[in-house]
C-alpha atoms as a PDB file:
ATOM      1  CA  MET A   1     -16.904  25.548  22.047  1.00  0.00           C
ATOM      2  CA  GLU A   2     -14.252  22.964  22.890  1.00  0.00           C
ATOM      3  CA  PHE A   3     -11.510  23.681  25.417  1.00  0.00           C
ATOM      4  CA  LYS A   4      -7.946  23.462  24.058  1.00  0.00           C
ATOM      5  CA  ASP A   5      -5.253  22.132  26.382  1.00  0.00           C
ATOM      6  CA  TYR A   6      -2.233  23.736  24.765  1.00  0.00           C
ATOM      7  CA  TYR A   7       0.181  21.962  27.098  1.00  0.00           C
ATOM      8  CA  ALA A   8      -1.170  18.573  26.003  1.00  0.00           C
ATOM      9  CA  ILE A   9      -1.057  19.642  22.345  1.00  0.00           C
ATOM     10  CA  LEU A  10       2.655  20.448  22.624  1.00  0.00           C
ATOM     11  CA  GLY A  11       3.302  17.439  24.870  1.00  0.00           C
ATOM     12  CA  ILE A  12       4.820  19.449  27.723  1.00  0.00           C
ATOM     13  CA  LYS A  13       4.067  20.055  31.423  1.00  0.00           C
ATOM     14  CA  PRO A  14       2.499  23.252  32.794  1.00  0.00           C
ATOM     15  CA  ASP A  15       5.681  24.058  34.722  1.00  0.00           C
ATOM     16  CA  ASP A  16       8.056  23.624  31.745  1.00  0.00           C
ATOM     17  CA  ASP A  17      10.049  26.719  30.815  1.00  0.00           C
ATOM     18  CA  LYS A  18       9.980  28.706  27.566  1.00  0.00           C
ATOM     19  CA  LYS A  19      12.872  26.701  26.145  1.00  0.00           C
ATOM     20  CA  ALA A  20      10.850  23.506  26.470  1.00  0.00           C
ATOM     21  CA  VAL A  21       7.899  25.227  24.795  1.00  0.00           C
ATOM     22  CA  LYS A  22      10.008  26.306  21.845  1.00  0.00           C
ATOM     23  CA  THR A  23      11.719  22.913  21.537  1.00  0.00           C
ATOM     24  CA  ALA A  24       8.361  21.133  21.496  1.00  0.00           C
ATOM     25  CA  TYR A  25       7.001  23.550  18.910  1.00  0.00           C
ATOM     26  CA  ARG A  26      10.005  23.131  16.607  1.00  0.00           C
ATOM     27  CA  ARG A  27       9.743  19.336  16.805  1.00  0.00           C
ATOM     28  CA  LEU A  28       6.013  19.247  16.076  1.00  0.00           C
ATOM     29  CA  ALA A  29       6.232  21.900  13.364  1.00  0.00           C
ATOM     30  CA  ARG A  30       8.682  19.664  11.511  1.00  0.00           C
ATOM     31  CA  LYS A  31       6.415  16.688  12.034  1.00  0.00           C
ATOM     32  CA  TYR A  32       3.203  18.290  10.780  1.00  0.00           C
ATOM     33  CA  HIS A  33       4.210  20.929   8.260  1.00  0.00           C
ATOM     34  CA  PRO A  34       2.421  20.034   4.985  1.00  0.00           C
ATOM     35  CA  ASP A  35       5.615  20.207   2.960  1.00  0.00           C
ATOM     36  CA  VAL A  36       7.307  17.396   4.869  1.00  0.00           C
ATOM     37  CA  SER A  37       4.529  15.495   6.641  1.00  0.00           C
ATOM     38  CA  LYS A  38       2.806  12.341   5.393  1.00  0.00           C
ATOM     39  CA  VAL A  39       0.067  12.562   8.049  1.00  0.00           C
ATOM     40  CA  HIS A  40      -3.353  12.853   6.381  1.00  0.00           C
ATOM     41  CA  ASP A  41      -4.496  15.765   8.616  1.00  0.00           C
ATOM     42  CA  ALA A  42      -1.078  17.427   8.798  1.00  0.00           C
ATOM     43  CA  GLU A  43      -2.372  20.909   7.923  1.00  0.00           C
ATOM     44  CA  ALA A  44      -4.943  20.904  10.753  1.00  0.00           C
ATOM     45  CA  GLN A  45      -2.405  19.525  13.224  1.00  0.00           C
ATOM     46  CA  PHE A  46       0.149  22.108  12.142  1.00  0.00           C
ATOM     47  CA  LYS A  47      -2.279  24.953  12.735  1.00  0.00           C
ATOM     48  CA  LEU A  48      -3.178  23.599  16.170  1.00  0.00           C
ATOM     49  CA  VAL A  49       0.485  23.338  17.181  1.00  0.00           C
ATOM     50  CA  ALA A  50       1.104  26.886  15.932  1.00  0.00           C
ATOM     51  CA  GLU A  51      -1.863  28.121  17.950  1.00  0.00           C
ATOM     52  CA  ALA A  52      -0.535  26.463  21.110  1.00  0.00           C
ATOM     53  CA  TYR A  53       2.849  28.083  20.587  1.00  0.00           C
ATOM     54  CA  GLU A  54       1.202  31.451  19.984  1.00  0.00           C
ATOM     55  CA  VAL A  55      -0.222  31.259  23.501  1.00  0.00           C
ATOM     56  CA  LEU A  56       2.452  29.434  25.508  1.00  0.00           C
ATOM     57  CA  GLY A  57       5.332  31.196  23.794  1.00  0.00           C
ATOM     58  CA  SER A  58       4.135  34.541  25.156  1.00  0.00           C
ATOM     59  CA  ASP A  59       4.517  35.279  28.884  1.00  0.00           C
ATOM     60  CA  GLU A  60       1.423  37.479  28.875  1.00  0.00           C
ATOM     61  CA  LYS A  61      -0.818  35.051  26.983  1.00  0.00           C
ATOM     62  CA  ARG A  62       0.457  32.093  28.975  1.00  0.00           C
ATOM     63  CA  ALA A  63      -0.359  33.764  32.295  1.00  0.00           C
ATOM     64  CA  GLU A  64      -3.843  34.601  31.017  1.00  0.00           C
ATOM     65  CA  TYR A  65      -4.346  31.064  29.722  1.00  0.00           C
ATOM     66  CA  ASP A  66      -3.199  29.496  33.005  1.00  0.00           C
ATOM     67  CA  GLN A  67      -5.974  31.380  34.792  1.00  0.00           C
ATOM     68  CA  LEU A  68      -8.574  30.098  32.320  1.00  0.00           C
ATOM     69  CA  ARG A  69      -7.230  26.555  32.407  1.00  0.00           C
ATOM     70  CA  LYS A  70      -8.680  26.136  35.895  1.00  0.00           C
ATOM     71  CA  TYR A  71     -12.150  26.247  34.366  1.00  0.00           C
ATOM     72  CA  GLY A  72     -11.757  23.778  31.487  1.00  0.00           C
ATOM     73  CA  ALA A  73     -10.441  20.367  30.422  1.00  0.00           C
ATOM     74  CA  GLN A  74      -9.224  19.094  27.063  1.00  0.00           C
ATOM     75  CA  GLY A  75     -12.075  18.175  24.700  1.00  0.00           C
ATOM     76  CA  GLU A  76     -14.882  19.353  26.979  1.00  0.00           C
ATOM     77  CA  PRO A  77     -17.312  22.200  26.206  1.00  0.00           C
ATOM     78  CA  PHE A  78     -16.021  25.514  27.497  1.00  0.00           C
ATOM     79  CA  THR A  79     -17.466  28.928  28.270  1.00  0.00           C
ATOM     80  CA  PRO A  80     -15.299  31.764  29.607  1.00  0.00           C
ATOM     81  CA  PRO A  81     -16.033  32.410  33.310  1.00  0.00           C
ATOM     82  CA  PRO A  82     -18.273  35.328  34.297  1.00  0.00           C
ATOM     83  CA  GLY A  83     -16.582  38.685  34.195  1.00  0.00           C
ATOM     84  CA  TRP A  84     -13.979  37.705  31.567  1.00  0.00           C
ATOM     85  CA  GLN A  85     -13.337  40.798  29.457  1.00  0.00           C
ATOM     86  CA  HIS A  86     -11.144  41.663  26.502  1.00  0.00           C
ATOM     87  CA  GLY A  87     -10.845  44.851  24.526  1.00  0.00           C
ATOM     88  CA  GLU A  88     -11.481  45.734  20.872  1.00  0.00           C
ATOM     89  CA  ALA A  89      -9.782  43.813  18.103  1.00  0.00           C
ATOM     90  CA  ALA A  90      -6.376  45.123  17.096  1.00  0.00           C
ATOM     91  CA  GLY A  91      -5.927  43.974  13.501  1.00  0.00           C
ATOM     92  CA  TYR A  92      -6.489  40.328  14.334  1.00  0.00           C
ATOM     93  CA  ALA A  93      -6.596  37.927  11.379  1.00  0.00           C
ATOM     94  CA  GLU A  94     -10.107  36.624  11.816  1.00  0.00           C
ATOM     95  CA  GLY A  95     -10.481  32.892  11.265  1.00  0.00           C
ATOM     96  CA  ASP A  96      -6.756  32.136  11.566  1.00  0.00           C
ATOM     97  CA  TYR A  97      -7.177  30.382  14.918  1.00  0.00           C
ATOM     98  CA  SER A  98      -9.764  28.175  16.601  1.00  0.00           C
ATOM     99  CA  ASP A  99     -13.014  29.452  18.112  1.00  0.00           C
ATOM    100  CA  PHE A 100     -11.490  28.835  21.526  1.00  0.00           C
ATOM    101  CA  PHE A 101      -8.525  31.100  20.782  1.00  0.00           C
ATOM    102  CA  GLU A 102     -10.711  33.794  19.250  1.00  0.00           C
ATOM    103  CA  SER A 103     -13.067  33.842  22.222  1.00  0.00           C
ATOM    104  CA  ILE A 104     -10.193  34.219  24.668  1.00  0.00           C
ATOM    105  CA  PHE A 105      -7.458  36.102  22.843  1.00  0.00           C
ATOM    106  CA  GLY A 106      -8.985  37.270  19.572  1.00  0.00           C
ATOM    107  CA  ALA A 107      -9.432  40.894  20.618  1.00  0.00           C
ATOM    108  CA  HIS A 108      -7.102  41.889  23.437  1.00  0.00           C
ATOM    109  CA  PHE A 109      -4.089  39.903  22.293  1.00  0.00           C
ATOM    110  CA  GLY A 110      -4.644  39.817  18.530  1.00  0.00           C
ATOM    111  CA  HIS A 111      -1.655  40.225  16.210  1.00  0.00           C
ATOM    112  CA  ARG A 112      -1.864  41.919  12.856  1.00  0.00           C
ATOM    113  CA  ALA A 113      -3.065  39.589  10.119  1.00  0.00           C
ATOM    114  CA  ASP A 114       0.224  39.518   8.268  1.00  0.00           C
ATOM    115  CA  ASP A 115       2.197  38.885  11.465  1.00  0.00           C
ATOM    116  CA  ALA A 116      -0.096  36.058  12.526  1.00  0.00           C
ATOM    117  CA  ARG A 117       0.220  34.345   9.167  1.00  0.00           C
ATOM    118  CA  THR A 118       3.978  34.757   9.201  1.00  0.00           C
ATOM    119  CA  ARG A 119       4.390  33.204  12.667  1.00  0.00           C
ATOM    120  CA  ARG A 120       2.241  30.240  11.708  1.00  0.00           C
ATOM    121  CA  GLY A 121       2.975  29.797   8.034  1.00  0.00           C
ATOM    122  CA  ARG A 122       6.755  30.015   8.212  1.00  0.00           C
ATOM    123  CA  ALA A 123       7.461  27.150  10.514  1.00  0.00           C
ATOM    124  CA  GLY A 124      10.496  26.459   8.348  1.00  0.00           C
ATOM    125  CA  SER A 125      11.896  29.994   8.567  1.00  0.00           C
ATOM    126  CA  LYS A 126      15.240  30.961  10.095  1.00  0.00           C
ATOM    127  CA  ASP A 127      13.442  31.669  13.398  1.00  0.00           C
ATOM    128  CA  THR A 128      12.488  28.007  13.735  1.00  0.00           C
ATOM    129  CA  PHE A 129      14.204  25.595  11.336  1.00  0.00           C
ATOM    130  CA  SER A 130      15.375  25.118   7.793  1.00  0.00           C
ATOM    131  CA  ARG A 131      14.254  22.132   5.764  1.00  0.00           C
ATOM    132  CA  ARG A 132      15.333  20.714   2.430  1.00  0.00           C
ATOM    133  CA  GLY A 133      12.603  20.644  -0.208  1.00  0.00           C
ATOM    134  CA  GLN A 134      10.949  17.443  -1.413  1.00  0.00           C
ATOM    135  CA  ASP A 135      12.393  15.373  -4.233  1.00  0.00           C
ATOM    136  CA  ILE A 136      10.143  15.017  -7.271  1.00  0.00           C
ATOM    137  CA  GLU A 137      10.100  12.041  -9.673  1.00  0.00           C
ATOM    138  CA  ILE A 138       8.427  12.081 -13.079  1.00  0.00           C
ATOM    139  CA  ASP A 139       8.345   9.636 -15.984  1.00  0.00           C
ATOM    140  CA  MET A 140      10.423  10.606 -19.022  1.00  0.00           C
ATOM    141  CA  PRO A 141       9.312   8.748 -22.181  1.00  0.00           C
ATOM    142  CA  ILE A 142      11.923   8.816 -24.954  1.00  0.00           C
ATOM    143  CA  PHE A 143      12.289   7.141 -28.344  1.00  0.00           C
ATOM    144  CA  LEU A 144      15.060   4.665 -29.086  1.00  0.00           C
ATOM    145  CA  GLU A 145      16.535   7.131 -31.564  1.00  0.00           C
ATOM    146  CA  ASP A 146      16.898   9.695 -28.759  1.00  0.00           C
ATOM    147  CA  THR A 147      19.358   7.457 -26.901  1.00  0.00           C
ATOM    148  CA  LEU A 148      21.946   7.665 -29.672  1.00  0.00           C
ATOM    149  CA  SER A 149      22.911  11.279 -28.940  1.00  0.00           C
ATOM    150  CA  ASP A 150      22.657  13.927 -26.231  1.00  0.00           C
ATOM    151  CA  GLU A 151      19.122  15.161 -26.802  1.00  0.00           C
ATOM    152  CA  THR A 152      17.778  18.405 -25.300  1.00  0.00           C
ATOM    153  CA  LYS A 153      14.101  18.186 -24.430  1.00  0.00           C
ATOM    154  CA  THR A 154      11.588  20.524 -22.820  1.00  0.00           C
ATOM    155  CA  ILE A 155       9.665  19.060 -19.910  1.00  0.00           C
ATOM    156  CA  ALA A 156       6.879  20.469 -17.738  1.00  0.00           C
ATOM    157  CA  TYR A 157       5.952  19.252 -14.276  1.00  0.00           C
ATOM    158  CA  ASN A 158       4.102  20.353 -11.141  1.00  0.00           C
ATOM    159  CA  LEU A 159       5.907  21.559  -8.034  1.00  0.00           C
ATOM    160  CA  PRO A 160       4.062  21.655  -4.690  1.00  0.00           C
ATOM    161  CA  HIS A 161       4.193  25.079  -3.067  1.00  0.00           C
ATOM    162  CA  TYR A 162       2.635  25.955   0.243  1.00  0.00           C
ATOM    163  CA  SER A 163       1.221  29.361   1.015  1.00  0.00           C
ATOM    164  CA  GLU A 164       1.778  31.046   4.361  1.00  0.00           C
ATOM    165  CA  SER A 165      -1.572  29.671   5.478  1.00  0.00           C
ATOM    166  CA  GLY A 166      -0.289  26.135   4.832  1.00  0.00           C
ATOM    167  CA  ARG A 167      -2.472  25.474   1.774  1.00  0.00           C
ATOM    168  CA  THR A 168      -1.126  23.525  -1.169  1.00  0.00           C
ATOM    169  CA  GLU A 169      -0.710  25.253  -4.510  1.00  0.00           C
ATOM    170  CA  ASP A 170       0.780  23.404  -7.483  1.00  0.00           C
ATOM    171  CA  VAL A 171       3.036  25.530  -9.667  1.00  0.00           C
ATOM    172  CA  ARG A 172       3.752  24.426 -13.241  1.00  0.00           C
ATOM    173  CA  LYS A 173       7.453  24.521 -14.087  1.00  0.00           C
ATOM    174  CA  THR A 174       9.034  24.204 -17.542  1.00  0.00           C
ATOM    175  CA  LEU A 175      12.624  23.086 -17.914  1.00  0.00           C
ATOM    176  CA  LYS A 176      15.027  22.241 -20.730  1.00  0.00           C
ATOM    177  CA  VAL A 177      17.038  19.121 -19.960  1.00  0.00           C
ATOM    178  CA  LYS A 178      19.751  17.236 -21.797  1.00  0.00           C
ATOM    179  CA  ILE A 179      19.183  13.492 -21.925  1.00  0.00           C
ATOM    180  CA  PRO A 180      22.598  11.802 -21.811  1.00  0.00           C
ATOM    181  CA  LYS A 181      23.532   9.457 -24.621  1.00  0.00           C
ATOM    182  CA  GLY A 182      23.096   5.789 -23.816  1.00  0.00           C
ATOM    183  CA  VAL A 183      20.342   6.022 -21.191  1.00  0.00           C
ATOM    184  CA  MET A 184      18.510   2.796 -20.484  1.00  0.00           C
ATOM    185  CA  ASP A 185      14.927   1.891 -19.683  1.00  0.00           C
ATOM    186  CA  LYS A 186      13.966   2.572 -16.016  1.00  0.00           C
ATOM    187  CA  GLU A 187      17.168   4.515 -15.418  1.00  0.00           C
ATOM    188  CA  ARG A 188      16.831   7.549 -13.117  1.00  0.00           C
ATOM    189  CA  ILE A 189      18.470  10.855 -13.977  1.00  0.00           C
ATOM    190  CA  ARG A 190      19.003  13.313 -11.134  1.00  0.00           C
ATOM    191  CA  LEU A 191      18.669  17.054 -11.704  1.00  0.00           C
ATOM    192  CA  LYS A 192      19.998  18.712  -8.577  1.00  0.00           C
ATOM    193  CA  GLY A 193      17.976  21.549  -7.098  1.00  0.00           C
ATOM    194  CA  GLN A 194      15.030  21.257  -9.516  1.00  0.00           C
ATOM    195  CA  GLY A 195      12.614  19.743  -7.000  1.00  0.00           C
ATOM    196  CA  ALA A 196      10.319  21.434  -4.487  1.00  0.00           C
ATOM    197  CA  PRO A 197      11.624  24.594  -2.800  1.00  0.00           C
ATOM    198  CA  GLY A 198      13.054  24.327   0.711  1.00  0.00           C
ATOM    199  CA  PHE A 199      11.972  26.129   3.845  1.00  0.00           C
ATOM    200  CA  GLY A 200      13.963  28.839   5.560  1.00  0.00           C
ATOM    201  CA  LYS A 201      17.533  28.467   4.409  1.00  0.00           C
ATOM    202  CA  GLY A 202      16.962  24.865   3.350  1.00  0.00           C
ATOM    203  CA  PRO A 203      17.993  23.973  -0.224  1.00  0.00           C
ATOM    204  CA  PRO A 204      15.466  22.822  -2.825  1.00  0.00           C
ATOM    205  CA  GLY A 205      14.930  19.145  -3.474  1.00  0.00           C
ATOM    206  CA  ASP A 206      16.032  17.300  -6.597  1.00  0.00           C
ATOM    207  CA  LEU A 207      14.136  16.263  -9.711  1.00  0.00           C
ATOM    208  CA  TYR A 208      14.442  12.647 -10.852  1.00  0.00           C
ATOM    209  CA  LEU A 209      13.600  11.657 -14.405  1.00  0.00           C
ATOM    210  CA  LYS A 210      12.620   7.994 -14.730  1.00  0.00           C
ATOM    211  CA  ILE A 211      13.443   6.915 -18.261  1.00  0.00           C
ATOM    212  CA  LYS A 212      10.784   4.946 -20.129  1.00  0.00           C
ATOM    213  CA  LEU A 213      11.758   3.771 -23.590  1.00  0.00           C
ATOM    214  CA  VAL A 214       8.812   4.046 -25.956  1.00  0.00           C
ATOM    215  CA  PRO A 215       8.208   0.691 -27.725  1.00  0.00           C
ATOM    216  CA  HIS A 216       9.461   0.779 -31.316  1.00  0.00           C
ATOM    217  CA  PRO A 217       7.270  -0.593 -34.122  1.00  0.00           C
ATOM    218  CA  LEU A 218      10.181  -2.553 -35.646  1.00  0.00           C
ATOM    219  CA  PHE A 219      12.847  -3.222 -33.010  1.00  0.00           C
ATOM    220  CA  ASP A 220      12.854  -5.231 -29.800  1.00  0.00           C
ATOM    221  CA  VAL A 221      15.283  -4.199 -27.058  1.00  0.00           C
ATOM    222  CA  ILE A 222      17.473  -6.727 -25.229  1.00  0.00           C
ATOM    223  CA  GLY A 223      19.894  -4.821 -23.025  1.00  0.00           C
ATOM    224  CA  ASN A 224      21.979  -2.732 -25.423  1.00  0.00           C
ATOM    225  CA  ASP A 225      21.129  -5.007 -28.351  1.00  0.00           C
ATOM    226  CA  LEU A 226      18.288  -4.679 -30.838  1.00  0.00           C
ATOM    227  CA  SER A 227      16.551  -7.347 -32.848  1.00  0.00           C
ATOM    228  CA  ILE A 228      14.361  -7.084 -35.911  1.00  0.00           C
ATOM    229  CA  THR A 229      12.460  -9.748 -37.850  1.00  0.00           C
ATOM    230  CA  VAL A 230      12.961  -9.361 -41.619  1.00  0.00           C
ATOM    231  CA  PRO A 231      10.880 -11.284 -44.192  1.00  0.00           C
ATOM    232  CA  VAL A 232      12.696 -12.975 -47.095  1.00  0.00           C
ATOM    233  CA  THR A 233      11.380 -14.918 -50.098  1.00  0.00           C
ATOM    234  CA  PRO A 234      11.998 -18.645 -50.464  1.00  0.00           C
ATOM    235  CA  TRP A 235      14.369 -18.049 -53.395  1.00  0.00           C
ATOM    236  CA  GLU A 236      16.335 -15.404 -51.422  1.00  0.00           C
ATOM    237  CA  ALA A 237      16.753 -17.915 -48.626  1.00  0.00           C
ATOM    238  CA  VAL A 238      17.821 -20.704 -51.008  1.00  0.00           C
ATOM    239  CA  LEU A 239      19.983 -18.748 -53.434  1.00  0.00           C
ATOM    240  CA  GLY A 240      21.280 -16.081 -51.094  1.00  0.00           C
ATOM    241  CA  ALA A 241      20.686 -12.352 -51.550  1.00  0.00           C
ATOM    242  CA  SER A 242      21.651  -8.828 -50.590  1.00  0.00           C
ATOM    243  CA  ILE A 243      18.719  -7.192 -48.808  1.00  0.00           C
ATOM    244  CA  LYS A 244      18.100  -3.786 -47.215  1.00  0.00           C
ATOM    245  CA  VAL A 245      17.496  -3.750 -43.465  1.00  0.00           C
ATOM    246  CA  PRO A 246      16.411  -0.723 -41.384  1.00  0.00           C
ATOM    247  CA  THR A 247      18.466   0.491 -38.398  1.00  0.00           C
ATOM    248  CA  LEU A 248      17.930   3.407 -36.001  1.00  0.00           C
ATOM    249  CA  THR A 249      20.121   5.582 -38.227  1.00  0.00           C
ATOM    250  CA  GLY A 250      18.964   4.476 -41.679  1.00  0.00           C
ATOM    251  CA  GLN A 251      18.984   1.445 -43.975  1.00  0.00           C
ATOM    252  CA  ILE A 252      21.988  -0.804 -44.549  1.00  0.00           C
ATOM    253  CA  LYS A 253      22.638  -3.761 -46.884  1.00  0.00           C
ATOM    254  CA  VAL A 254      22.885  -7.226 -45.368  1.00  0.00           C
ATOM    255  CA  SER A 255      23.987 -10.442 -47.098  1.00  0.00           C
ATOM    256  CA  VAL A 256      21.718 -13.478 -46.751  1.00  0.00           C
ATOM    257  CA  LYS A 257      23.713 -16.674 -47.145  1.00  0.00           C
ATOM    258  CA  PRO A 258      22.459 -19.412 -49.500  1.00  0.00           C
ATOM    259  CA  ASP A 259      20.318 -22.087 -47.885  1.00  0.00           C
ATOM    260  CA  SER A 260      19.366 -19.835 -44.938  1.00  0.00           C
ATOM    261  CA  GLN A 261      16.639 -21.146 -42.662  1.00  0.00           C
ATOM    262  CA  SER A 262      13.660 -19.246 -41.325  1.00  0.00           C
ATOM    263  CA  GLY A 263      14.681 -18.030 -37.852  1.00  0.00           C
ATOM    264  CA  SER A 264      18.353 -17.634 -38.754  1.00  0.00           C
ATOM    265  CA  ARG A 265      20.039 -14.754 -36.874  1.00  0.00           C
ATOM    266  CA  LEU A 266      22.447 -12.370 -38.547  1.00  0.00           C
ATOM    267  CA  ARG A 267      24.566 -10.212 -36.235  1.00  0.00           C
ATOM    268  CA  ILE A 268      25.322  -6.634 -37.302  1.00  0.00           C
ATOM    269  CA  LYS A 269      27.984  -5.372 -34.908  1.00  0.00           C
ATOM    270  CA  GLY A 270      27.646  -1.896 -33.404  1.00  0.00           C
ATOM    271  CA  ARG A 271      24.162  -1.160 -34.778  1.00  0.00           C
ATOM    272  CA  GLY A 272      22.335  -1.494 -31.465  1.00  0.00           C
ATOM    273  CA  LEU A 273      21.901   1.034 -28.680  1.00  0.00           C
ATOM    274  CA  VAL A 274      24.687   3.174 -27.301  1.00  0.00           C
ATOM    275  CA  GLY A 275      25.775   1.641 -23.993  1.00  0.00           C
ATOM    276  CA  ARG A 276      27.800   3.177 -21.180  1.00  0.00           C
ATOM    277  CA  LYS A 277      30.866   1.196 -22.252  1.00  0.00           C
ATOM    278  CA  GLU A 278      30.216   0.065 -25.821  1.00  0.00           C
ATOM    279  CA  LYS A 279      27.549  -0.052 -28.498  1.00  0.00           C
ATOM    280  CA  GLY A 280      25.161  -2.947 -28.695  1.00  0.00           C
ATOM    281  CA  ASP A 281      24.541  -5.061 -31.776  1.00  0.00           C
ATOM    282  CA  LEU A 282      21.623  -5.478 -34.160  1.00  0.00           C
ATOM    283  CA  TYR A 283      20.313  -9.006 -34.714  1.00  0.00           C
ATOM    284  CA  VAL A 284      18.424  -9.652 -37.955  1.00  0.00           C
ATOM    285  CA  ILE A 285      16.053 -12.625 -37.703  1.00  0.00           C
ATOM    286  CA  LEU A 286      15.040 -14.068 -41.059  1.00  0.00           C
ATOM    287  CA  LYS A 287      11.469 -15.120 -41.703  1.00  0.00           C
ATOM    288  CA  ILE A 288      10.679 -16.958 -44.942  1.00  0.00           C
ATOM    289  CA  VAL A 289       7.364 -15.868 -46.448  1.00  0.00           C
ATOM    290  CA  ILE A 290       5.499 -16.792 -49.613  1.00  0.00           C
ATOM    291  CA  PRO A 291       3.337 -14.530 -51.803  1.00  0.00           C
ATOM    292  CA  ASP A 292      -0.291 -14.093 -50.872  1.00  0.00           C
ATOM    293  CA  LYS A 293      -1.335 -15.025 -54.404  1.00  0.00           C
ATOM    294  CA  THR A 294       0.396 -17.113 -57.063  1.00  0.00           C
ATOM    295  CA  ASP A 295      -0.444 -16.956 -60.774  1.00  0.00           C
ATOM    296  CA  ALA A 296      -0.753 -20.018 -62.990  1.00  0.00           C
ATOM    297  CA  GLU A 297       2.747 -19.737 -64.506  1.00  0.00           C
ATOM    298  CA  CYS A 298       4.433 -19.539 -61.102  1.00  0.00           C
ATOM    299  CA  LYS A 299       2.380 -22.466 -59.860  1.00  0.00           C
ATOM    300  CA  GLU A 300       3.742 -24.600 -62.718  1.00  0.00           C
ATOM    301  CA  LEU A 301       7.274 -23.658 -61.701  1.00  0.00           C
ATOM    302  CA  TRP A 302       6.552 -24.622 -58.116  1.00  0.00           C
ATOM    303  CA  LYS A 303       5.193 -27.972 -59.334  1.00  0.00           C
ATOM    304  CA  ALA A 304       8.333 -28.555 -61.337  1.00  0.00           C
ATOM    305  CA  LEU A 305      10.463 -27.768 -58.308  1.00  0.00           C
ATOM    306  CA  ALA A 306       8.386 -30.078 -56.120  1.00  0.00           C
ATOM    307  CA  SER A 307       8.758 -32.968 -58.580  1.00  0.00           C
ATOM    308  CA  LYS A 308      12.547 -32.596 -58.759  1.00  0.00           C
ATOM    309  CA  SER A 309      13.199 -31.997 -55.044  1.00  0.00           C
ATOM    310  CA  ALA A 310      13.491 -34.904 -52.649  1.00  0.00           C
ATOM    311  CA  PHE A 311      13.357 -32.617 -49.607  1.00  0.00           C
ATOM    312  CA  ASN A 312      10.950 -33.655 -46.843  1.00  0.00           C
ATOM    313  CA  PRO A 313      10.767 -31.122 -44.002  1.00  0.00           C
ATOM    314  CA  ARG A 314       8.702 -33.591 -41.902  1.00  0.00           C
ATOM    315  CA  SER A 315      11.052 -36.525 -42.027  1.00  0.00           C
ATOM    316  CA  ASP A 316      11.758 -36.235 -38.293  1.00  0.00           C
ATOM    317  CA  LEU A 317       8.034 -36.615 -37.565  1.00  0.00           C
ATOM    318  CA  THR A 318       7.755 -40.153 -38.948  1.00  0.00           C
ATOM    319  CA  THR A 319       7.323 -42.997 -36.468  1.00  0.00           C
END
């Protein structure tokens, strides 16, 4: 069994008063409590600090411990001196403390199980300190169409809860949230008080939704603007045409000017995403395509066109 130097654990001197003991305990409880600590062995450290306070915070236990301390040193094997006696257990929560504590105080000075857990597990209670709960951040994937209006969605996420023994227990929470119109990719939405619960009288943390726009099969997003590539036939590009183009709210008719080139951009004002200040635009990019197969009659027409046209699209490539 290893000797525990409770003074060293709390970082105080043997002649420090009870106020120093309590101050050290409060500081270390904040540092190691699993709800706020990033230390990898925070739970074990928290329990050790609570055990030290259990002894040094009591005049009776402290006096008893000071007598035993003459016979041991931190980290060394320890056996109670001959003649050390303690009475029968009085409702002690077996296994809550170290073997060292149990061998010395487990019977004569044992608290009831519920009281022992409360003293150790509620380091954030009103008797010690209050602490704000952790903030939680989750990804919120939404479709482009969802940004056009205030959408109400149901989300589910895990909240870390800690039992009185300091063990982590994830609790699944379901919440209905309204996604504000005009949200952008990677934007964070704060939901106050929907994060992890606080300790003592501390308020809960906040929930942050990180917006992730789901890629659309037709539209590319550029800020508040959208772009879409629309195929047109060679004759539509040459003669001009009225074509149907999809938007996020349905199809509209767009005029293709005569002699349009492949790659030409047509701007449709106000058909993009809803911005914080104004709506974005939709840009229609024309792409001239030819049929996969051409019958004999159409081929003759193409030959006739080729013989009459003096157009050479590769004239700039001549040397």
